[in-house]
């Protein structure tokens, strides 16, 4: 499914419209850093989905706290690594999954 981006707009306005059209219950929605918005995260949760959003320095406090978590050494987590090759290169992606109660308490909107 697609949602057109209106003239003089961007995907931040198109993402919520697209999500409304989809049944995302039980799904994991992934969005790049531009879509890392509290409103979008709330909508995904309200529609009973989960999200994985890219995090950059624009979300300063959350970014700093996540960096602190990883710098302290990730403990009690599950790590999943995927390796793909193509176009003359090898890409490896690792996803760490961990419950971090203090992070959720400090950033309840996420």
PDB file of N, CA and C in Angstrom:
ATOM      1  N   UNK A   1       0.854  -1.169   0.000  1.00  0.00           N
ATOM      2  CA  UNK A   1       0.000   0.000   0.000  1.00  0.00           C
ATOM      3  C   UNK A   1       0.897   1.228   0.000  1.00  0.00           C
ATOM      4  N   UNK A   2       0.439   2.300  -0.622  1.00  0.00           N
ATOM      5  CA  UNK A   2       1.190   3.542  -0.696  1.00  0.00           C
ATOM      6  C   UNK A   2       0.315   4.709  -0.271  1.00  0.00           C
ATOM      7  N   UNK A   3       0.974   5.775   0.146  1.00  0.00           N
ATOM      8  CA  UNK A   3       0.287   7.019   0.473  1.00  0.00           C
ATOM      9  C   UNK A   3       1.090   8.136  -0.176  1.00  0.00           C
ATOM     10  N   UNK A   4       0.433   8.900  -1.026  1.00  0.00           N
ATOM     11  CA  UNK A   4       1.116  10.004  -1.695  1.00  0.00           C
ATOM     12  C   UNK A   4       1.449  11.099  -0.698  1.00  0.00           C
ATOM     13  N   UNK A   5       2.599  11.712  -0.905  1.00  0.00           N
ATOM     14  CA  UNK A   5       3.013  12.843  -0.087  1.00  0.00           C
ATOM     15  C   UNK A   5       2.531  14.101  -0.799  1.00  0.00           C
ATOM     16  N   UNK A   6       1.766  14.918  -0.093  1.00  0.00           N
ATOM     17  CA  UNK A   6       1.210  16.134  -0.687  1.00  0.00           C
ATOM     18  C   UNK A   6       2.307  17.118  -1.049  1.00  0.00           C
ATOM     19  N   UNK A   7       2.028  17.981  -2.008  1.00  0.00           N
ATOM     20  CA  UNK A   7       2.968  19.040  -2.371  1.00  0.00           C
ATOM     21  C   UNK A   7       3.307  19.861  -1.128  1.00  0.00           C
ATOM     22  N   UNK A   8       4.536  20.302  -1.048  1.00  0.00           N
ATOM     23  CA  UNK A   8       5.026  21.108   0.078  1.00  0.00           C
ATOM     24  C   UNK A   8       4.841  20.393   1.420  1.00  0.00           C
ATOM     25  N   UNK A   9       4.984  19.073   1.390  1.00  0.00           N
ATOM     26  CA  UNK A   9       4.838  18.268   2.589  1.00  0.00           C
ATOM     27  C   UNK A   9       5.991  17.268   2.619  1.00  0.00           C
ATOM     28  N   UNK A  10       5.939  16.325   3.552  1.00  0.00           N
ATOM     29  CA  UNK A  10       6.928  15.257   3.610  1.00  0.00           C
ATOM     30  C   UNK A  10       6.284  14.022   4.213  1.00  0.00           C
ATOM     31  N   UNK A  11       7.088  12.983   4.395  1.00  0.00           N
ATOM     32  CA  UNK A  11       6.496  11.734   4.876  1.00  0.00           C
ATOM     33  C   UNK A  11       6.003  11.792   6.312  1.00  0.00           C
ATOM     34  N   UNK A  12       6.407  12.791   7.093  1.00  0.00           N
ATOM     35  CA  UNK A  12       5.910  12.891   8.466  1.00  0.00           C
ATOM     36  C   UNK A  12       4.387  13.028   8.478  1.00  0.00           C
ATOM     37  N   UNK A  13       3.828  13.682   7.482  1.00  0.00           N
ATOM     38  CA  UNK A  13       2.368  13.801   7.410  1.00  0.00           C
ATOM     39  C   UNK A  13       1.743  12.599   6.702  1.00  0.00           C
ATOM     40  N   UNK A  14       2.486  11.954   5.816  1.00  0.00           N
ATOM     41  CA  UNK A  14       1.940  10.808   5.082  1.00  0.00           C
ATOM     42  C   UNK A  14       1.922   9.534   5.924  1.00  0.00           C
ATOM     43  N   UNK A  15       2.884   9.371   6.834  1.00  0.00           N
ATOM     44  CA  UNK A  15       2.966   8.135   7.627  1.00  0.00           C
ATOM     45  C   UNK A  15       1.702   7.897   8.452  1.00  0.00           C
ATOM     46  N   UNK A  16       1.199   8.881   9.219  1.00  0.00           N
ATOM     47  CA  UNK A  16      -0.026   8.623   9.982  1.00  0.00           C
ATOM     48  C   UNK A  16      -1.216   8.261   9.086  1.00  0.00           C
ATOM     49  N   UNK A  17      -1.319   8.903   7.931  1.00  0.00           N
ATOM     50  CA  UNK A  17      -2.426   8.585   7.013  1.00  0.00           C
ATOM     51  C   UNK A  17      -2.309   7.155   6.504  1.00  0.00           C
ATOM     52  N   UNK A  18      -1.101   6.732   6.186  1.00  0.00           N
ATOM     53  CA  UNK A  18      -0.897   5.355   5.725  1.00  0.00           C
ATOM     54  C   UNK A  18      -1.198   4.361   6.841  1.00  0.00           C
ATOM     55  N   UNK A  19      -0.718   4.641   8.051  1.00  0.00           N
ATOM     56  CA  UNK A  19      -0.961   3.733   9.173  1.00  0.00           C
ATOM     57  C   UNK A  19      -2.452   3.528   9.429  1.00  0.00           C
ATOM     58  N   UNK A  20      -3.245   4.600   9.285  1.00  0.00           N
ATOM     59  CA  UNK A  20      -4.694   4.490   9.509  1.00  0.00           C
ATOM     60  C   UNK A  20      -5.340   3.485   8.572  1.00  0.00           C
ATOM     61  N   UNK A  21      -4.762   3.300   7.386  1.00  0.00           N
ATOM     62  CA  UNK A  21      -5.324   2.389   6.385  1.00  0.00           C
ATOM     63  C   UNK A  21      -4.940   0.934   6.622  1.00  0.00           C
ATOM     64  N   UNK A  22      -3.992   0.706   7.516  1.00  0.00           N
ATOM     65  CA  UNK A  22      -3.444  -0.638   7.696  1.00  0.00           C
ATOM     66  C   UNK A  22      -3.863  -1.263   9.017  1.00  0.00           C
ATOM     67  N   UNK A  23      -4.029  -2.577   9.009  1.00  0.00           N
ATOM     68  CA  UNK A  23      -4.214  -3.333  10.241  1.00  0.00           C
ATOM     69  C   UNK A  23      -2.819  -3.741  10.692  1.00  0.00           C
ATOM     70  N   UNK A  24      -2.286  -3.057  11.682  1.00  0.00           N
ATOM     71  CA  UNK A  24      -0.921  -3.317  12.135  1.00  0.00           C
ATOM     72  C   UNK A  24      -0.882  -4.074  13.457  1.00  0.00           C
ATOM     73  N   UNK A  25      -1.994  -4.578  13.903  1.00  0.00           N
ATOM     74  CA  UNK A  25      -2.050  -5.330  15.153  1.00  0.00           C
ATOM     75  C   UNK A  25      -1.019  -6.448  15.132  1.00  0.00           C
ATOM     76  N   UNK A  26      -0.133  -6.441  16.132  1.00  0.00           N
ATOM     77  CA  UNK A  26       0.870  -7.483  16.244  1.00  0.00           C
ATOM     78  C   UNK A  26       2.046  -7.335  15.290  1.00  0.00           C
ATOM     79  N   UNK A  27       2.069  -6.283  14.507  1.00  0.00           N
ATOM     80  CA  UNK A  27       3.157  -6.061  13.546  1.00  0.00           C
ATOM     81  C   UNK A  27       4.223  -5.145  14.137  1.00  0.00           C
ATOM     82  N   UNK A  28       5.426  -5.249  13.600  1.00  0.00           N
ATOM     83  CA  UNK A  28       6.507  -4.337  13.960  1.00  0.00           C
ATOM     84  C   UNK A  28       6.687  -3.377  12.801  1.00  0.00           C
ATOM     85  N   UNK A  29       6.516  -2.097  13.076  1.00  0.00           N
ATOM     86  CA  UNK A  29       6.649  -1.052  12.067  1.00  0.00           C
ATOM     87  C   UNK A  29       8.050  -0.458  12.187  1.00  0.00           C
ATOM     88  N   UNK A  30       8.780  -0.425  11.081  1.00  0.00           N
ATOM     89  CA  UNK A  30      10.108   0.181  11.086  1.00  0.00           C
ATOM     90  C   UNK A  30      10.063   1.458  10.258  1.00  0.00           C
ATOM     91  N   UNK A  31      10.679   2.496  10.790  1.00  0.00           N
ATOM     92  CA  UNK A  31      10.667   3.805  10.132  1.00  0.00           C
ATOM     93  C   UNK A  31      12.046   4.432  10.294  1.00  0.00           C
ATOM     94  N   UNK A  32      12.498   5.153   9.275  1.00  0.00           N
ATOM     95  CA  UNK A  32      13.797   5.815   9.365  1.00  0.00           C
ATOM     96  C   UNK A  32      13.725   7.007  10.309  1.00  0.00           C
ATOM     97  N   UNK A  33      14.845   7.699  10.481  1.00  0.00           N
ATOM     98  CA  UNK A  33      14.948   8.761  11.489  1.00  0.00           C
ATOM     99  C   UNK A  33      13.958   9.899  11.270  1.00  0.00           C
ATOM    100  N   UNK A  34      13.614  10.202  10.020  1.00  0.00           N
ATOM    101  CA  UNK A  34      12.670  11.296   9.785  1.00  0.00           C
ATOM    102  C   UNK A  34      11.308  10.996  10.425  1.00  0.00           C
ATOM    103  N   UNK A  35      10.931   9.731  10.462  1.00  0.00           N
ATOM    104  CA  UNK A  35       9.644   9.345  11.025  1.00  0.00           C
ATOM    105  C   UNK A  35       9.677   9.084  12.513  1.00  0.00           C
ATOM    106  N   UNK A  36      10.795   9.331  13.165  1.00  0.00           N
ATOM    107  CA  UNK A  36      10.894   9.128  14.603  1.00  0.00           C
ATOM    108  C   UNK A  36      10.239  10.322  15.295  1.00  0.00           C
ATOM    109  N   UNK A  37       8.937  10.206  15.461  1.00  0.00           N
ATOM    110  CA  UNK A  37       8.107  11.262  16.034  1.00  0.00           C
ATOM    111  C   UNK A  37       7.234  10.640  17.126  1.00  0.00           C
ATOM    112  N   UNK A  38       7.059  11.353  18.233  1.00  0.00           N
ATOM    113  CA  UNK A  38       6.234  10.825  19.328  1.00  0.00           C
ATOM    114  C   UNK A  38       4.815  10.539  18.870  1.00  0.00           C
ATOM    115  N   UNK A  39       4.251  11.405  18.045  1.00  0.00           N
ATOM    116  CA  UNK A  39       2.883  11.216  17.564  1.00  0.00           C
ATOM    117  C   UNK A  39       2.765   9.915  16.772  1.00  0.00           C
ATOM    118  N   UNK A  40       3.749   9.627  15.948  1.00  0.00           N
ATOM    119  CA  UNK A  40       3.725   8.399  15.147  1.00  0.00           C
ATOM    120  C   UNK A  40       3.876   7.184  16.054  1.00  0.00           C
ATOM    121  N   UNK A  41       4.771   7.257  17.038  1.00  0.00           N
ATOM    122  CA  UNK A  41       4.939   6.147  17.987  1.00  0.00           C
ATOM    123  C   UNK A  41       3.639   5.881  18.744  1.00  0.00           C
ATOM    124  N   UNK A  42       2.973   6.952  19.191  1.00  0.00           N
ATOM    125  CA  UNK A  42       1.694   6.792  19.908  1.00  0.00           C
ATOM    126  C   UNK A  42       0.643   6.148  19.005  1.00  0.00           C
ATOM    127  N   UNK A  43       0.594   6.569  17.745  1.00  0.00           N
ATOM    128  CA  UNK A  43      -0.402   6.011  16.837  1.00  0.00           C
ATOM    129  C   UNK A  43      -0.170   4.519  16.621  1.00  0.00           C
ATOM    130  N   UNK A  44       1.079   4.134  16.440  1.00  0.00           N
ATOM    131  CA  UNK A  44       1.393   2.710  16.248  1.00  0.00           C
ATOM    132  C   UNK A  44       0.959   1.919  17.470  1.00  0.00           C
ATOM    133  N   UNK A  45       1.271   2.411  18.662  1.00  0.00           N
ATOM    134  CA  UNK A  45       0.862   1.721  19.892  1.00  0.00           C
ATOM    135  C   UNK A  45      -0.654   1.658  20.009  1.00  0.00           C
ATOM    136  N   UNK A  46      -1.326   2.762  19.688  1.00  0.00           N
ATOM    137  CA  UNK A  46      -2.788   2.807  19.761  1.00  0.00           C
ATOM    138  C   UNK A  46      -3.416   1.785  18.814  1.00  0.00           C
ATOM    139  N   UNK A  47      -2.774   1.563  17.680  1.00  0.00           N
ATOM    140  CA  UNK A  47      -3.280   0.584  16.716  1.00  0.00           C
ATOM    141  C   UNK A  47      -2.770  -0.827  17.026  1.00  0.00           C
ATOM    142  N   UNK A  48      -2.191  -1.012  18.215  1.00  0.00           N
ATOM    143  CA  UNK A  48      -1.749  -2.306  18.733  1.00  0.00           C
ATOM    144  C   UNK A  48      -0.604  -2.909  17.943  1.00  0.00           C
ATOM    145  N   UNK A  49       0.254  -2.026  17.418  1.00  0.00           N
ATOM    146  CA  UNK A  49       1.473  -2.468  16.764  1.00  0.00           C
ATOM    147  C   UNK A  49       2.669  -2.123  17.634  1.00  0.00           C
ATOM    148  N   UNK A  50       3.811  -2.588  17.224  1.00  0.00           N
ATOM    149  CA  UNK A  50       5.070  -2.241  17.877  1.00  0.00           C
ATOM    150  C   UNK A  50       5.917  -1.493  16.861  1.00  0.00           C
ATOM    151  N   UNK A  51       6.936  -0.809  17.334  1.00  0.00           N
ATOM    152  CA  UNK A  51       7.748  -0.032  16.406  1.00  0.00           C
ATOM    153  C   UNK A  51       9.233  -0.169  16.690  1.00  0.00           C
ATOM    154  N   UNK A  52       9.996  -0.001  15.632  1.00  0.00           N
ATOM    155  CA  UNK A  52      11.433   0.074  15.696  1.00  0.00           C
ATOM    156  C   UNK A  52      11.791   1.320  14.888  1.00  0.00           C
ATOM    157  N   UNK A  53      12.209   2.358  15.591  1.00  0.00           N
ATOM    158  CA  UNK A  53      12.467   3.640  14.953  1.00  0.00           C
ATOM    159  C   UNK A  53      13.950   3.971  15.017  1.00  0.00           C
ATOM    160  N   UNK A  54      14.463   4.542  13.950  1.00  0.00           N
ATOM    161  CA  UNK A  54      15.857   4.981  13.940  1.00  0.00           C
ATOM    162  C   UNK A  54      15.996   6.156  14.900  1.00  0.00           C
ATOM    163  N   UNK A  55      17.100   6.214  15.590  1.00  0.00           N
ATOM    164  CA  UNK A  55      17.304   7.260  16.585  1.00  0.00           C
ATOM    165  C   UNK A  55      18.587   8.011  16.263  1.00  0.00           C
ATOM    166  N   UNK A  56      18.457   9.312  16.107  1.00  0.00           N
ATOM    167  CA  UNK A  56      19.616  10.167  15.874  1.00  0.00           C
ATOM    168  C   UNK A  56      19.622  11.257  16.946  1.00  0.00           C
ATOM    169  N   UNK A  57      20.633  12.095  16.903  1.00  0.00           N
ATOM    170  CA  UNK A  57      20.844  13.105  17.927  1.00  0.00           C
ATOM    171  C   UNK A  57      19.743  14.138  18.057  1.00  0.00           C
ATOM    172  N   UNK A  58      18.841  14.242  17.080  1.00  0.00           N
ATOM    173  CA  UNK A  58      17.767  15.236  17.161  1.00  0.00           C
ATOM    174  C   UNK A  58      16.889  15.001  18.394  1.00  0.00           C
ATOM    175  N   UNK A  59      16.716  13.748  18.763  1.00  0.00           N
ATOM    176  CA  UNK A  59      15.972  13.396  19.986  1.00  0.00           C
ATOM    177  C   UNK A  59      17.005  13.336  21.114  1.00  0.00           C
ATOM    178  N   UNK A  60      17.553  14.482  21.471  1.00  0.00           N
ATOM    179  CA  UNK A  60      18.757  14.609  22.295  1.00  0.00           C
ATOM    180  C   UNK A  60      18.740  13.769  23.579  1.00  0.00           C
ATOM    181  N   UNK A  61      17.779  13.980  24.467  1.00  0.00           N
ATOM    182  CA  UNK A  61      17.794  13.283  25.761  1.00  0.00           C
ATOM    183  C   UNK A  61      17.644  11.780  25.596  1.00  0.00           C
ATOM    184  N   UNK A  62      16.718  11.362  24.737  1.00  0.00           N
ATOM    185  CA  UNK A  62      16.530   9.932  24.498  1.00  0.00           C
ATOM    186  C   UNK A  62      17.793   9.338  23.889  1.00  0.00           C
ATOM    187  N   UNK A  63      18.357  10.013  22.919  1.00  0.00           N
ATOM    188  CA  UNK A  63      19.584   9.549  22.272  1.00  0.00           C
ATOM    189  C   UNK A  63      20.709   9.389  23.293  1.00  0.00           C
ATOM    190  N   UNK A  64      20.901  10.386  24.148  1.00  0.00           N
ATOM    191  CA  UNK A  64      21.964  10.329  25.158  1.00  0.00           C
ATOM    192  C   UNK A  64      21.749   9.188  26.143  1.00  0.00           C
ATOM    193  N   UNK A  65      20.498   8.971  26.549  1.00  0.00           N
ATOM    194  CA  UNK A  65      20.210   7.885  27.495  1.00  0.00           C
ATOM    195  C   UNK A  65      20.422   6.512  26.847  1.00  0.00           C
ATOM    196  N   UNK A  66      20.044   6.362  25.603  1.00  0.00           N
ATOM    197  CA  UNK A  66      20.256   5.091  24.910  1.00  0.00           C
ATOM    198  C   UNK A  66      21.759   4.846  24.747  1.00  0.00           C
ATOM    199  N   UNK A  67      22.490   5.892  24.406  1.00  0.00           N
ATOM    200  CA  UNK A  67      23.947   5.759  24.275  1.00  0.00           C
ATOM    201  C   UNK A  67      24.553   5.343  25.625  1.00  0.00           C
ATOM    202  N   UNK A  68      24.088   5.942  26.725  1.00  0.00           N
ATOM    203  CA  UNK A  68      24.566   5.572  28.054  1.00  0.00           C
ATOM    204  C   UNK A  68      24.319   4.094  28.312  1.00  0.00           C
ATOM    205  N   UNK A  69      23.133   3.612  27.947  1.00  0.00           N
ATOM    206  CA  UNK A  69      22.796   2.189  28.130  1.00  0.00           C
ATOM    207  C   UNK A  69      23.781   1.297  27.385  1.00  0.00           C
ATOM    208  N   UNK A  70      24.041   1.612  26.117  1.00  0.00           N
ATOM    209  CA  UNK A  70      24.939   0.776  25.330  1.00  0.00           C
ATOM    210  C   UNK A  70      26.397   0.926  25.766  1.00  0.00           C
ATOM    211  N   UNK A  71      26.801   2.130  26.145  1.00  0.00           N
ATOM    212  CA  UNK A  71      28.176   2.347  26.598  1.00  0.00           C
ATOM    213  C   UNK A  71      28.478   1.587  27.889  1.00  0.00           C
ATOM    214  N   UNK A  72      27.451   1.361  28.719  1.00  0.00           N
ATOM    215  CA  UNK A  72      27.625   0.634  29.976  1.00  0.00           C
ATOM    216  C   UNK A  72      27.800  -0.870  29.747  1.00  0.00           C
ATOM    217  N   UNK A  73      27.589  -1.306  28.527  1.00  0.00           N
ATOM    218  CA  UNK A  73      27.688  -2.734  28.215  1.00  0.00           C
ATOM    219  C   UNK A  73      26.321  -3.371  28.298  1.00  0.00           C
ATOM    220  N   UNK A  74      25.870  -3.891  27.197  1.00  0.00           N
ATOM    221  CA  UNK A  74      24.532  -4.472  27.120  1.00  0.00           C
ATOM    222  C   UNK A  74      24.539  -5.814  27.836  1.00  0.00           C
ATOM    223  N   UNK A  75      23.673  -5.922  28.841  1.00  0.00           N
ATOM    224  CA  UNK A  75      23.557  -7.154  29.615  1.00  0.00           C
ATOM    225  C   UNK A  75      22.121  -7.635  29.544  1.00  0.00           C
ATOM    226  N   UNK A  76      21.945  -8.918  29.756  1.00  0.00           N
ATOM    227  CA  UNK A  76      20.604  -9.516  29.786  1.00  0.00           C
ATOM    228  C   UNK A  76      19.783  -9.148  28.556  1.00  0.00           C
ATOM    229  N   UNK A  77      20.377  -9.314  27.404  1.00  0.00           N
ATOM    230  CA  UNK A  77      19.622  -9.017  26.191  1.00  0.00           C
ATOM    231  C   UNK A  77      19.800 -10.149  25.196  1.00  0.00           C
ATOM    232  N   UNK A  78      18.936 -10.151  24.233  1.00  0.00           N
ATOM    233  CA  UNK A  78      19.022 -11.082  23.121  1.00  0.00           C
ATOM    234  C   UNK A  78      19.564 -10.312  21.928  1.00  0.00           C
ATOM    235  N   UNK A  79      20.474 -10.902  21.218  1.00  0.00           N
ATOM    236  CA  UNK A  79      21.026 -10.259  20.032  1.00  0.00           C
ATOM    237  C   UNK A  79      20.733 -11.140  18.819  1.00  0.00           C
ATOM    238  N   UNK A  80      20.274 -10.513  17.775  1.00  0.00           N
ATOM    239  CA  UNK A  80      19.989 -11.206  16.518  1.00  0.00           C
ATOM    240  C   UNK A  80      20.811 -10.535  15.424  1.00  0.00           C
ATOM    241  N   UNK A  81      21.578 -11.334  14.702  1.00  0.00           N
ATOM    242  CA  UNK A  81      22.421 -10.793  13.641  1.00  0.00           C
ATOM    243  C   UNK A  81      21.994 -11.391  12.308  1.00  0.00           C
ATOM    244  N   UNK A  82      21.953 -10.539  11.309  1.00  0.00           N
ATOM    245  CA  UNK A  82      21.618 -10.963   9.953  1.00  0.00           C
ATOM    246  C   UNK A  82      22.728 -10.482   9.028  1.00  0.00           C
ATOM    247  N   UNK A  83      23.210 -11.361   8.185  1.00  0.00           N
ATOM    248  CA  UNK A  83      24.251 -11.010   7.225  1.00  0.00           C
ATOM    249  C   UNK A  83      23.711 -11.219   5.822  1.00  0.00           C
ATOM    250  N   UNK A  84      23.842 -10.198   5.000  1.00  0.00           N
ATOM    251  CA  UNK A  84      23.401 -10.262   3.611  1.00  0.00           C
ATOM    252  C   UNK A  84      24.546  -9.833   2.707  1.00  0.00           C
ATOM    253  N   UNK A  85      24.584 -10.389   1.528  1.00  0.00           N
ATOM    254  CA  UNK A  85      25.581  -9.985   0.555  1.00  0.00           C
ATOM    255  C   UNK A  85      24.912  -9.626  -0.756  1.00  0.00           C
ATOM    256  N   UNK A  86      25.526  -8.728  -1.462  1.00  0.00           N
ATOM    257  CA  UNK A  86      25.027  -8.339  -2.770  1.00  0.00           C
ATOM    258  C   UNK A  86      25.690  -7.065  -3.235  1.00  0.00           C
ATOM    259  N   UNK A  87      25.726  -6.900  -4.516  1.00  0.00           N
ATOM    260  CA  UNK A  87      26.305  -5.696  -5.112  1.00  0.00           C
ATOM    261  C   UNK A  87      27.746  -5.462  -4.639  1.00  0.00           C
ATOM    262  N   UNK A  88      28.483  -6.560  -4.465  1.00  0.00           N
ATOM    263  CA  UNK A  88      29.886  -6.451  -4.108  1.00  0.00           C
ATOM    264  C   UNK A  88      30.176  -6.085  -2.665  1.00  0.00           C
ATOM    265  N   UNK A  89      29.208  -6.216  -1.811  1.00  0.00           N
ATOM    266  CA  UNK A  89      29.465  -5.888  -0.410  1.00  0.00           C
ATOM    267  C   UNK A  89      28.725  -6.870   0.497  1.00  0.00           C
ATOM    268  N   UNK A  90      29.159  -6.899   1.737  1.00  0.00           N
ATOM    269  CA  UNK A  90      28.503  -7.726   2.755  1.00  0.00           C
ATOM    270  C   UNK A  90      27.995  -6.774   3.830  1.00  0.00           C
ATOM    271  N   UNK A  91      26.739  -6.921   4.186  1.00  0.00           N
ATOM    272  CA  UNK A  91      26.139  -6.095   5.237  1.00  0.00           C
ATOM    273  C   UNK A  91      25.768  -6.989   6.406  1.00  0.00           C
ATOM    274  N   UNK A  92      26.119  -6.537   7.594  1.00  0.00           N
ATOM    275  CA  UNK A  92      25.749  -7.257   8.804  1.00  0.00           C
ATOM    276  C   UNK A  92      24.971  -6.321   9.701  1.00  0.00           C
ATOM    277  N   UNK A  93      23.806  -6.748  10.123  1.00  0.00           N
ATOM    278  CA  UNK A  93      22.961  -5.950  11.014  1.00  0.00           C
ATOM    279  C   UNK A  93      22.724  -6.755  12.293  1.00  0.00           C
ATOM    280  N   UNK A  94      22.877  -6.083  13.419  1.00  0.00           N
ATOM    281  CA  UNK A  94      22.628  -6.728  14.701  1.00  0.00           C
ATOM    282  C   UNK A  94      21.579  -5.928  15.449  1.00  0.00           C
ATOM    283  N   UNK A  95      20.600  -6.628  15.971  1.00  0.00           N
ATOM    284  CA  UNK A  95      19.535  -6.009  16.751  1.00  0.00           C
ATOM    285  C   UNK A  95      19.623  -6.565  18.173  1.00  0.00           C
ATOM    286  N   UNK A  96      19.722  -5.672  19.151  1.00  0.00           N
ATOM    287  CA  UNK A  96      19.736  -6.070  20.558  1.00  0.00           C
ATOM    288  C   UNK A  96      18.355  -5.791  21.138  1.00  0.00           C
ATOM    289  N   UNK A  97      17.811  -6.762  21.819  1.00  0.00           N
ATOM    290  CA  UNK A  97      16.500  -6.611  22.444  1.00  0.00           C
ATOM    291  C   UNK A  97      16.670  -6.780  23.946  1.00  0.00           C
ATOM    292  N   UNK A  98      16.244  -5.751  24.673  1.00  0.00           N
ATOM    293  CA  UNK A  98      16.407  -5.784  26.111  1.00  0.00           C
ATOM    294  C   UNK A  98      15.328  -4.924  26.760  1.00  0.00           C
ATOM    295  N   UNK A  99      14.904  -5.327  27.934  1.00  0.00           N
ATOM    296  CA  UNK A  99      13.997  -4.483  28.707  1.00  0.00           C
ATOM    297  C   UNK A  99      14.845  -3.532  29.538  1.00  0.00           C
ATOM    298  N   UNK A 100      14.525  -2.248  29.441  1.00  0.00           N
ATOM    299  CA  UNK A 100      15.279  -1.218  30.151  1.00  0.00           C
ATOM    300  C   UNK A 100      14.270  -0.337  30.883  1.00  0.00           C
ATOM    301  N   UNK A 101      13.805  -0.799  32.063  1.00  0.00           N
ATOM    302  CA  UNK A 101      12.750  -0.064  32.763  1.00  0.00           C
ATOM    303  C   UNK A 101      13.068   1.408  33.007  1.00  0.00           C
ATOM    304  N   UNK A 102      14.287   1.735  33.403  1.00  0.00           N
ATOM    305  CA  UNK A 102      14.609   3.136  33.698  1.00  0.00           C
ATOM    306  C   UNK A 102      14.495   4.001  32.452  1.00  0.00           C
ATOM    307  N   UNK A 103      14.786   3.435  31.300  1.00  0.00           N
ATOM    308  CA  UNK A 103      14.676   4.189  30.056  1.00  0.00           C
ATOM    309  C   UNK A 103      13.201   4.463  29.736  1.00  0.00           C
ATOM    310  N   UNK A 104      12.368   3.475  29.966  1.00  0.00           N
ATOM    311  CA  UNK A 104      10.919   3.658  29.751  1.00  0.00           C
ATOM    312  C   UNK A 104      10.339   4.667  30.733  1.00  0.00           C
ATOM    313  N   UNK A 105      10.816   4.661  31.954  1.00  0.00           N
ATOM    314  CA  UNK A 105      10.326   5.617  32.952  1.00  0.00           C
ATOM    315  C   UNK A 105      10.738   7.043  32.606  1.00  0.00           C
ATOM    316  N   UNK A 106      11.973   7.225  32.122  1.00  0.00           N
ATOM    317  CA  UNK A 106      12.461   8.561  31.771  1.00  0.00           C
ATOM    318  C   UNK A 106      11.842   9.110  30.484  1.00  0.00           C
ATOM    319  N   UNK A 107      11.366   8.206  29.613  1.00  0.00           N
ATOM    320  CA  UNK A 107      10.836   8.617  28.316  1.00  0.00           C
ATOM    321  C   UNK A 107       9.509   7.908  28.040  1.00  0.00           C
ATOM    322  N   UNK A 108       8.488   8.177  28.839  1.00  0.00           N
ATOM    323  CA  UNK A 108       7.232   7.440  28.700  1.00  0.00           C
ATOM    324  C   UNK A 108       6.503   7.671  27.371  1.00  0.00           C
ATOM    325  N   UNK A 109       6.788   8.778  26.695  1.00  0.00           N
ATOM    326  CA  UNK A 109       6.116   9.037  25.422  1.00  0.00           C
ATOM    327  C   UNK A 109       6.643   8.153  24.296  1.00  0.00           C
ATOM    328  N   UNK A 110       7.747   7.491  24.521  1.00  0.00           N
ATOM    329  CA  UNK A 110       8.304   6.622  23.490  1.00  0.00           C
ATOM    330  C   UNK A 110       7.949   5.192  23.782  1.00  0.00           C
TER     331      UNK A 110
END
